[in-house]
Amino acid sequence: MGFNAALALAVTLTFFVSAPQAQTPDSKAGTLTQSATAVAPRGTFAPTPRSPEVHPDRTVTFRLRAPQAAAVELAGEVLQGKSPQPMAKDGEGVWSVTIGPLPPEIWIYDFRIEGVDFPDPSNISLMPRAAGLAAVSSFVEVPGDAPAFYDARPVPHGQVRMILYESKAMDVNRYVWVYTPPDYDKTNRKYPVYYLLHGNGETQSGWVMNGRANLILDNLIADGKAVPMIVVMPHGHALQSASVGPFKSVQQPGPEGLLNFTSFTKDLLEQIMPTVEKDFRVYSDADHRAIGGLSMGAFQSVQIGLAHPELFHYVLAYSGGFGGIGPATPGDIETQSPWKELLANPEQTKKNLRLLFLGAGQQETSMLSPGKRLVKLFKEKGMNAVWADYPGGHVFSVWRAHLNFTAPMLFH
């Protein structure tokens, strides 16, 4: 089975040719009841299997109706490094597997048929992606004994605003998402700004839909741990945003590759930042601006933030910008730009940089050594540099923890 055939199978997984009983109004209860005599239309859909199902012991059952599939596997981060797990098929054509118990966390998973991964059609919790850059996946949250720092709590909530603009740098329409704190519309005060950048394969929605940044900030602000701030989340790829019109490609100057941020840098510095400062009540000085991000966004933050100390006095890199993503560990990180220039002039760097944060997952071995070494060298020269690592690899469980850890450090 090729890609197109597997995709077609995925689309029609739940199709069921038998006619279920129709529903009719119940005159007494005012609700819908099953009618045993009504004739249902042909070609209706079978009941959607419950998936995922999180059990009290933190085991999780995944189900997929795919009566024509020869084999189905469960894949993704939820397996914690294990190979894809085969699923078993019942007499109704529903495949299932139970795994765990799992640690409390938000886990990513996919179903795999003939080598093609796709999200769980029974689950509305999806991990959105930029078109053509990665497959859409599903989320399952395994709760702990108390709400997690990324869960919604009964506290005042901020807003996430979708700002559509016509990018002058790219000549396409794009969205930037802006988090405003709970009291924004109730005061006339100004706020500091954190420019928070997503990773490769995501869009401007990544930090909210995948990272729950708005809920993390709501909780930190309510607990008095973080100052109220505006968080600006732009689209980091040189692409047109989705759902704005017919597709239009972007011709980016410079070499091809993931680390060419020419158009994004121009878009951020020359249009997004001026627009934010015009349309929102924010401070416009470097002491009240931070830039940070995950993976690709960390590379962008290091490249842009450290090159523009007149704009940003807080630079944060979550799993990127200071080491490789592969198994190899770069040597002598302090001899490479921009680190060597910053370390060579510590007095000026201290004036320009109120905080340098570097962090990674504990399984990201190619980042641990160079990141820790850089922080050690910066601290030895009297600069405010901080390191943190968390269990996991190149995954959102690490980056949510990084945001929760670092947001209280900003703008003091």
Protein backbone atom coordinates (compact mmCIF):
# COMPACT_ATOMS: atom_id res chain seq x y z
CA MET A 1 0.00 0.00 0.00
CA GLY A 2 1.42 3.38 -1.01
CA PHE A 3 1.01 6.75 0.68
CA ASN A 4 -2.17 7.70 -1.22
CA ALA A 5 -3.82 4.37 -0.52
CA ALA A 6 -2.96 4.53 3.17
CA LEU A 7 -4.24 8.09 3.36
CA ALA A 8 -7.49 7.09 1.70
CA LEU A 9 -7.84 4.25 4.17
CA ALA A 10 -7.25 6.65 7.06
CA VAL A 11 -9.95 8.98 5.77
CA THR A 12 -12.50 6.18 5.50
CA LEU A 13 -11.56 4.30 8.65
CA THR A 14 -14.88 4.75 10.40
CA PHE A 15 -17.18 4.21 7.41
CA PHE A 16 -19.83 1.61 8.13
CA VAL A 17 -22.39 0.32 5.65
CA SER A 18 -24.99 -1.07 8.01
CA ALA A 19 -27.85 1.27 8.91
CA PRO A 20 -28.14 2.15 12.63
CA GLN A 21 -31.43 2.94 14.27
CA ALA A 22 -32.65 6.46 13.67
CA GLN A 23 -33.35 9.01 16.42
CA THR A 24 -36.75 10.60 16.99
CA PRO A 25 -37.93 13.24 19.45
CA ASP A 26 -39.27 11.97 22.77
CA SER A 27 -42.41 14.05 23.46
CA LYS A 28 -42.20 13.50 27.22
CA ALA A 29 -38.53 14.07 27.85
CA GLY A 30 -37.85 16.51 25.06
CA THR A 31 -34.78 14.46 24.10
CA LEU A 32 -33.78 12.10 21.37
CA THR A 33 -34.47 8.38 21.71
CA GLN A 34 -33.75 5.40 19.49
CA SER A 35 -36.52 4.34 17.13
CA ALA A 36 -36.43 0.65 16.29
CA THR A 37 -38.65 1.06 13.25
CA ALA A 38 -37.27 4.14 11.55
CA VAL A 39 -35.24 3.55 8.40
CA ALA A 40 -31.77 5.07 8.44
CA PRO A 41 -30.00 6.21 5.29
CA ARG A 42 -27.52 3.86 3.74
CA GLY A 43 -23.79 4.49 4.07
CA THR A 44 -23.85 6.12 7.51
CA PHE A 45 -20.96 6.03 9.95
CA ALA A 46 -20.35 3.51 12.70
CA PRO A 47 -20.11 4.72 16.30
CA THR A 48 -16.73 6.28 16.95
CA PRO A 49 -14.68 4.15 19.35
CA ARG A 50 -13.62 5.83 22.55
CA SER A 51 -10.00 6.82 22.13
CA PRO A 52 -7.91 7.55 24.00
CA GLU A 53 -9.29 6.18 27.28
CA VAL A 54 -7.23 7.10 30.33
CA HIS A 55 -7.83 4.66 33.20
CA PRO A 56 -7.57 5.45 36.94
CA ASP A 57 -4.27 3.53 37.17
CA ARG A 58 -2.84 5.81 34.40
CA THR A 59 -2.82 3.10 31.79
CA VAL A 60 -4.23 4.29 28.48
CA THR A 61 -6.20 2.41 25.83
CA PHE A 62 -6.07 3.57 22.21
CA ARG A 63 -8.66 2.45 19.66
CA LEU A 64 -9.10 2.83 15.92
CA ARG A 65 -11.87 1.50 13.69
CA ALA A 66 -10.12 0.26 10.55
CA PRO A 67 -11.84 -2.94 9.39
CA GLN A 68 -9.90 -3.15 6.12
CA ALA A 69 -6.43 -2.56 7.55
CA ALA A 70 -4.05 -5.51 7.64
CA ALA A 71 -2.05 -4.12 10.58
CA VAL A 72 -2.13 -1.01 12.78
CA GLU A 73 0.53 0.29 15.17
CA LEU A 74 0.65 2.91 17.91
CA ALA A 75 3.60 5.28 17.50
CA GLY A 76 4.98 8.46 19.03
CA GLU A 77 6.36 10.08 22.15
CA VAL A 78 3.77 8.30 24.31
CA LEU A 79 5.85 5.12 23.97
CA GLN A 80 8.78 6.82 25.74
CA GLY A 81 11.42 5.73 23.29
CA LYS A 82 10.04 2.30 22.49
CA SER A 83 9.34 1.03 18.99
CA PRO A 84 5.81 1.30 17.56
CA GLN A 85 3.45 -1.09 19.36
CA PRO A 86 1.19 -3.48 17.38
CA MET A 87 -2.54 -3.16 17.99
CA ALA A 88 -5.05 -6.04 18.11
CA LYS A 89 -8.21 -6.19 15.99
CA ASP A 90 -11.62 -7.28 17.35
CA GLY A 91 -14.62 -8.70 15.50
CA GLU A 92 -16.03 -5.22 14.80
CA GLY A 93 -12.90 -4.04 13.02
CA VAL A 94 -11.68 -1.95 15.96
CA TRP A 95 -7.97 -2.09 16.72
CA SER A 96 -6.78 -1.44 20.28
CA VAL A 97 -3.76 -1.47 22.56
CA THR A 98 -3.32 -0.56 26.22
CA ILE A 99 -0.01 0.82 27.48
CA GLY A 100 1.32 2.16 30.76
CA PRO A 101 0.94 3.17 33.45
CA LEU A 102 2.32 6.46 32.16
CA PRO A 103 3.79 9.37 34.13
CA PRO A 104 1.47 12.39 34.36
CA GLU A 105 2.12 14.42 31.21
CA ILE A 106 0.71 15.51 27.86
CA TRP A 107 1.84 12.83 25.42
CA ILE A 108 2.01 12.89 21.60
CA TYR A 109 0.93 9.85 19.60
CA ASP A 110 -0.11 8.68 16.12
CA PHE A 111 -1.56 5.62 14.47
CA ARG A 112 0.54 3.98 11.77
CA ILE A 113 -0.73 1.96 8.80
CA GLU A 114 1.68 0.79 6.11
CA GLY A 115 4.30 3.26 7.31
CA VAL A 116 1.97 6.26 7.20
CA ASP A 117 1.32 8.14 10.46
CA PHE A 118 -1.93 10.00 11.08
CA PRO A 119 -3.83 11.41 14.08
CA ASP A 120 -6.53 9.67 16.08
CA PRO A 121 -9.88 10.44 14.35
CA SER A 122 -11.69 10.01 17.69
CA ASN A 123 -9.61 12.65 19.47
CA ILE A 124 -10.13 16.41 19.09
CA SER A 125 -6.79 17.23 20.82
CA LEU A 126 -4.48 17.74 17.85
CA MET A 127 -0.95 19.04 17.44
CA PRO A 128 -1.18 21.51 14.55
CA ARG A 129 1.66 21.71 12.05
CA ALA A 130 2.85 23.95 9.23
CA ALA A 131 1.79 22.59 5.85
CA GLY A 132 4.23 20.13 4.36
CA LEU A 133 6.71 20.24 7.22
CA ALA A 134 5.43 17.52 9.59
CA ALA A 135 2.50 15.21 10.16
CA VAL A 136 -0.38 16.24 12.42
CA SER A 137 -0.37 14.23 15.66
CA SER A 138 -2.74 13.69 18.60
CA PHE A 139 -2.37 14.51 22.30
CA VAL A 140 -3.42 12.54 25.36
CA GLU A 141 -3.10 14.02 28.84
CA VAL A 142 -2.46 11.65 31.73
CA PRO A 143 -3.40 13.55 34.89
CA GLY A 144 -1.53 13.50 38.18
CA ASP A 145 -2.96 13.74 41.67
CA ALA A 146 -3.30 17.53 41.36
CA PRO A 147 -3.68 19.93 38.40
CA ALA A 148 -0.44 20.46 36.49
CA PHE A 149 1.16 23.86 35.99
CA TYR A 150 -0.11 23.79 32.38
CA ASP A 151 -3.75 22.97 33.22
CA ALA A 152 -6.52 25.55 33.33
CA ARG A 153 -7.30 26.60 36.91
CA PRO A 154 -10.07 28.79 38.37
CA VAL A 155 -7.95 31.95 38.11
CA PRO A 156 -8.32 35.07 35.95
CA HIS A 157 -7.51 34.26 32.35
CA GLY A 158 -5.81 36.33 29.70
CA GLN A 159 -6.77 36.42 26.05
CA VAL A 160 -5.06 35.15 22.91
CA ARG A 161 -5.66 37.51 20.01
CA MET A 162 -5.20 36.57 16.34
CA ILE A 163 -3.68 39.47 14.41
CA LEU A 164 -3.73 39.20 10.62
CA TYR A 165 -1.26 41.36 8.69
CA GLU A 166 0.18 41.57 5.18
CA SER A 167 3.87 40.84 5.51
CA LYS A 168 6.01 43.33 3.63
CA ALA A 169 9.04 41.07 3.92
CA MET A 170 7.27 38.05 2.39
CA ASP A 171 4.37 39.59 0.40
CA VAL A 172 1.82 37.20 1.91
CA ASN A 173 -0.83 37.35 4.64
CA ARG A 174 0.29 36.00 7.98
CA TYR A 175 -0.99 35.66 11.53
CA VAL A 176 0.69 36.59 14.76
CA TRP A 177 -0.92 35.47 18.02
CA VAL A 178 -0.71 37.79 21.02
CA TYR A 179 -1.38 36.82 24.64
CA THR A 180 -2.62 39.67 26.81
CA PRO A 181 -2.67 39.19 30.60
CA PRO A 182 -5.94 39.04 32.58
CA ASP A 183 -5.98 42.71 33.59
CA TYR A 184 -4.99 44.15 30.22
CA ASP A 185 -8.40 45.62 29.34
CA LYS A 186 -9.00 46.85 32.89
CA THR A 187 -5.99 49.16 33.21
CA ASN A 188 -4.08 51.80 31.28
CA ARG A 189 -0.66 50.52 32.30
CA LYS A 190 2.11 49.44 29.96
CA TYR A 191 3.45 45.90 29.84
CA PRO A 192 6.73 44.20 29.01
CA VAL A 193 6.83 41.91 25.99
CA TYR A 194 8.11 38.37 25.53
CA TYR A 195 8.57 37.40 21.87
CA LEU A 196 8.08 33.63 22.09
CA LEU A 197 9.04 31.62 19.00
CA HIS A 198 7.85 28.15 17.99
CA GLY A 199 9.79 25.21 16.58
CA ASN A 200 10.27 23.71 13.15
CA GLY A 201 7.08 22.31 11.62
CA GLU A 202 4.78 24.46 13.76
CA THR A 203 3.01 27.77 13.22
CA GLN A 204 2.14 30.78 15.35
CA SER A 205 -0.37 28.57 17.17
CA GLY A 206 2.27 26.18 18.47
CA TRP A 207 2.98 27.69 21.86
CA VAL A 208 -0.74 27.88 22.70
CA MET A 209 -2.12 24.70 21.12
CA ASN A 210 0.90 22.52 21.88
CA GLY A 211 2.59 24.34 24.74
CA ARG A 212 -0.36 25.88 26.62
CA ALA A 213 1.67 29.03 27.10
CA ASN A 214 -1.42 31.10 27.87
CA LEU A 215 -2.47 28.78 30.71
CA ILE A 216 1.06 28.64 32.09
CA LEU A 217 1.20 32.45 32.15
CA ASP A 218 -2.30 32.69 33.66
CA ASN A 219 -1.25 30.44 36.54
CA LEU A 220 2.12 32.10 37.14
CA ILE A 221 0.57 35.58 37.16
CA ALA A 222 -2.25 34.47 39.49
CA ASP A 223 0.31 32.99 41.90
CA GLY A 224 2.38 36.17 41.87
CA LYS A 225 5.36 34.33 40.37
CA ALA A 226 5.53 36.20 37.06
CA VAL A 227 4.89 39.85 36.26
CA PRO A 228 1.96 40.44 33.90
CA MET A 229 3.36 40.51 30.38
CA ILE A 230 2.30 40.43 26.77
CA VAL A 231 3.52 37.41 24.82
CA VAL A 232 3.88 37.75 21.05
CA MET A 233 3.92 34.49 19.07
CA PRO A 234 4.72 35.05 15.36
CA HIS A 235 4.81 32.56 12.51
CA GLY A 236 8.50 31.61 12.36
CA HIS A 237 8.57 29.99 8.92
CA ALA A 238 8.78 32.05 5.75
CA LEU A 239 5.32 30.88 4.74
CA GLN A 240 1.85 32.22 4.14
CA SER A 241 -0.44 31.48 7.07
CA ALA A 242 -3.23 28.96 6.65
CA SER A 243 -6.84 29.91 5.84
CA VAL A 244 -6.15 33.37 4.46
CA GLY A 245 -6.74 32.76 0.74
CA PRO A 246 -5.33 30.87 -2.23
CA PHE A 247 -1.84 29.56 -1.60
CA LYS A 248 1.00 31.92 -2.44
CA SER A 249 4.63 30.85 -2.16
CA VAL A 250 7.39 32.91 -0.54
CA GLN A 251 10.72 33.42 -2.29
CA GLN A 252 13.28 33.84 0.50
CA PRO A 253 16.67 35.42 -0.25
CA GLY A 254 19.83 33.61 0.74
CA PRO A 255 20.71 29.92 0.92
CA GLU A 256 18.11 27.21 1.34
CA GLY A 257 17.91 25.50 4.70
CA LEU A 258 16.33 25.51 8.12
CA LEU A 259 18.67 28.15 9.55
CA ASN A 260 18.02 30.84 6.95
CA PHE A 261 16.01 33.37 8.96
CA THR A 262 16.47 36.34 6.63
CA SER A 263 12.81 36.94 5.84
CA PHE A 264 11.58 36.13 9.33
CA THR A 265 14.10 38.49 10.93
CA LYS A 266 13.02 41.32 8.67
CA ASP A 267 9.36 40.51 9.31
CA LEU A 268 9.86 40.47 13.07
CA LEU A 269 12.02 43.55 13.47
CA GLU A 270 10.52 45.82 10.82
CA GLN A 271 6.83 44.97 10.97
CA ILE A 272 5.71 42.75 13.85
CA MET A 273 7.49 44.68 16.59
CA PRO A 274 6.38 48.12 15.34
CA THR A 275 2.82 46.82 14.96
CA VAL A 276 2.79 45.46 18.51
CA GLU A 277 4.14 48.73 19.87
CA LYS A 278 1.52 50.69 17.94
CA ASP A 279 -1.50 48.53 18.76
CA PHE A 280 -0.73 47.37 22.30
CA ARG A 281 0.27 49.19 25.46
CA VAL A 282 3.83 47.92 25.74
CA TYR A 283 7.18 49.31 26.73
CA SER A 284 9.54 49.90 23.82
CA ASP A 285 12.94 49.58 25.48
CA ALA A 286 15.28 46.60 25.71
CA ASP A 287 14.87 46.22 29.48
CA HIS A 288 11.23 45.36 28.86
CA ARG A 289 11.75 43.02 25.89
CA ALA A 290 12.63 39.33 25.89
CA ILE A 291 13.05 36.91 23.01
CA GLY A 292 13.03 33.15 23.41
CA GLY A 293 11.89 30.00 21.74
CA LEU A 294 12.14 26.25 21.32
CA SER A 295 14.26 24.30 18.83
CA MET A 296 14.19 26.37 15.62
CA GLY A 297 12.79 29.25 17.68
CA ALA A 298 15.76 28.94 20.04
CA PHE A 299 18.15 29.31 17.08
CA GLN A 300 16.19 32.38 15.97
CA SER A 301 16.26 33.84 19.48
CA VAL A 302 20.02 33.42 19.81
CA GLN A 303 20.69 34.77 16.33
CA ILE A 304 18.33 37.73 16.53
CA GLY A 305 18.44 38.52 20.22
CA LEU A 306 22.19 38.48 20.73
CA ALA A 307 22.75 40.44 17.51
CA HIS A 308 20.42 43.20 18.72
CA PRO A 309 21.26 44.10 22.34
CA GLU A 310 19.68 47.48 21.71
CA LEU A 311 16.33 45.65 21.37
CA PHE A 312 16.49 42.65 23.73
CA HIS A 313 18.06 42.33 27.18
CA TYR A 314 16.63 38.86 27.84
CA VAL A 315 17.51 35.96 25.55
CA LEU A 316 16.23 32.44 26.17
CA ALA A 317 16.99 29.28 24.18
CA TYR A 318 15.06 26.08 24.83
CA SER A 319 16.81 23.16 23.08
CA GLY A 320 18.55 25.03 20.32
CA GLY A 321 21.14 27.59 19.32
CA PHE A 322 24.04 26.21 21.36
CA GLY A 323 24.49 22.59 20.30
CA GLY A 324 23.40 19.96 17.84
CA ILE A 325 20.14 18.02 17.71
CA GLY A 326 21.96 14.87 16.58
CA PRO A 327 24.28 12.60 18.59
CA ALA A 328 27.49 14.54 17.96
CA THR A 329 28.62 17.05 20.61
CA PRO A 330 30.25 20.23 19.22
CA GLY A 331 33.61 20.94 20.79
CA ASP A 332 34.87 24.29 22.08
CA ILE A 333 31.50 26.00 21.91
CA GLU A 334 33.06 29.12 23.45
CA THR A 335 35.23 29.62 20.35
CA GLN A 336 32.18 29.93 18.10
CA SER A 337 30.13 33.04 17.35
CA PRO A 338 28.29 34.70 18.97
CA TRP A 339 29.59 33.22 22.21
CA LYS A 340 33.27 34.11 21.76
CA GLU A 341 32.47 37.78 21.19
CA LEU A 342 30.20 37.96 24.23
CA LEU A 343 32.73 36.24 26.49
CA ALA A 344 35.57 38.42 25.21
CA ASN A 345 33.84 41.59 26.43
CA PRO A 346 32.11 40.63 29.68
CA GLU A 347 31.56 44.15 30.96
CA GLN A 348 29.68 45.23 27.86
CA THR A 349 27.80 41.93 27.77
CA LYS A 350 26.65 42.43 31.37
CA LYS A 351 25.22 45.82 30.39
CA ASN A 352 23.45 44.38 27.36
CA LEU A 353 22.18 41.09 28.73
CA ARG A 354 20.11 40.89 31.88
CA LEU A 355 19.47 37.17 31.42
CA LEU A 356 20.83 34.42 29.21
CA PHE A 357 18.91 31.17 29.66
CA LEU A 358 19.94 27.90 28.02
CA GLY A 359 18.11 24.63 28.57
CA ALA A 360 17.48 21.22 27.06
CA GLY A 361 16.00 17.81 27.68
CA GLN A 362 18.13 15.35 29.61
CA GLN A 363 18.17 13.01 26.61
CA GLU A 364 19.47 15.74 24.30
CA THR A 365 23.06 14.71 24.91
CA SER A 366 24.53 16.88 22.17
CA MET A 367 23.22 20.00 23.92
CA LEU A 368 23.93 19.22 27.56
CA SER A 369 27.71 19.62 27.52
CA PRO A 370 28.01 22.78 25.40
CA GLY A 371 25.03 24.43 27.09
CA LYS A 372 26.28 23.78 30.61
CA ARG A 373 29.78 24.90 29.66
CA LEU A 374 28.55 28.18 28.22
CA VAL A 375 26.49 28.96 31.31
CA LYS A 376 29.49 28.14 33.53
CA LEU A 377 31.77 30.46 31.56
CA PHE A 378 29.24 33.29 31.56
CA LYS A 379 28.69 32.98 35.30
CA GLU A 380 32.44 32.94 35.96
CA LYS A 381 32.63 36.32 34.23
CA GLY A 382 29.85 37.71 36.42
CA MET A 383 26.99 37.51 33.93
CA ASN A 384 23.48 36.33 34.73
CA ALA A 385 23.30 33.01 32.92
CA VAL A 386 21.02 30.15 33.93
CA TRP A 387 20.86 26.49 32.88
CA ALA A 388 18.04 23.97 33.39
CA ASP A 389 17.34 20.52 31.98
CA TYR A 390 14.32 18.29 32.42
CA PRO A 391 13.56 14.61 31.79
CA GLY A 392 12.87 13.89 28.14
CA GLY A 393 14.25 14.57 24.69
CA HIS A 394 13.35 17.12 22.05
CA VAL A 395 9.72 17.29 23.20
CA PHE A 396 7.12 19.73 24.51
CA SER A 397 7.14 18.29 28.02
CA VAL A 398 10.62 19.82 28.33
CA TRP A 399 9.71 23.15 26.74
CA ARG A 400 6.56 23.67 28.81
CA ALA A 401 8.72 23.15 31.89
CA HIS A 402 11.27 25.63 30.55
CA LEU A 403 8.61 28.30 30.04
CA ASN A 404 7.20 27.70 33.50
CA PHE A 405 10.71 27.98 34.99
CA THR A 406 11.89 31.02 33.07
CA ALA A 407 8.87 33.33 32.83
CA PRO A 408 9.25 34.32 36.54
CA MET A 409 12.83 35.46 35.77
CA LEU A 410 11.74 38.09 33.27
CA PHE A 411 11.44 41.85 33.72
CA HIS A 412 12.55 42.20 37.33
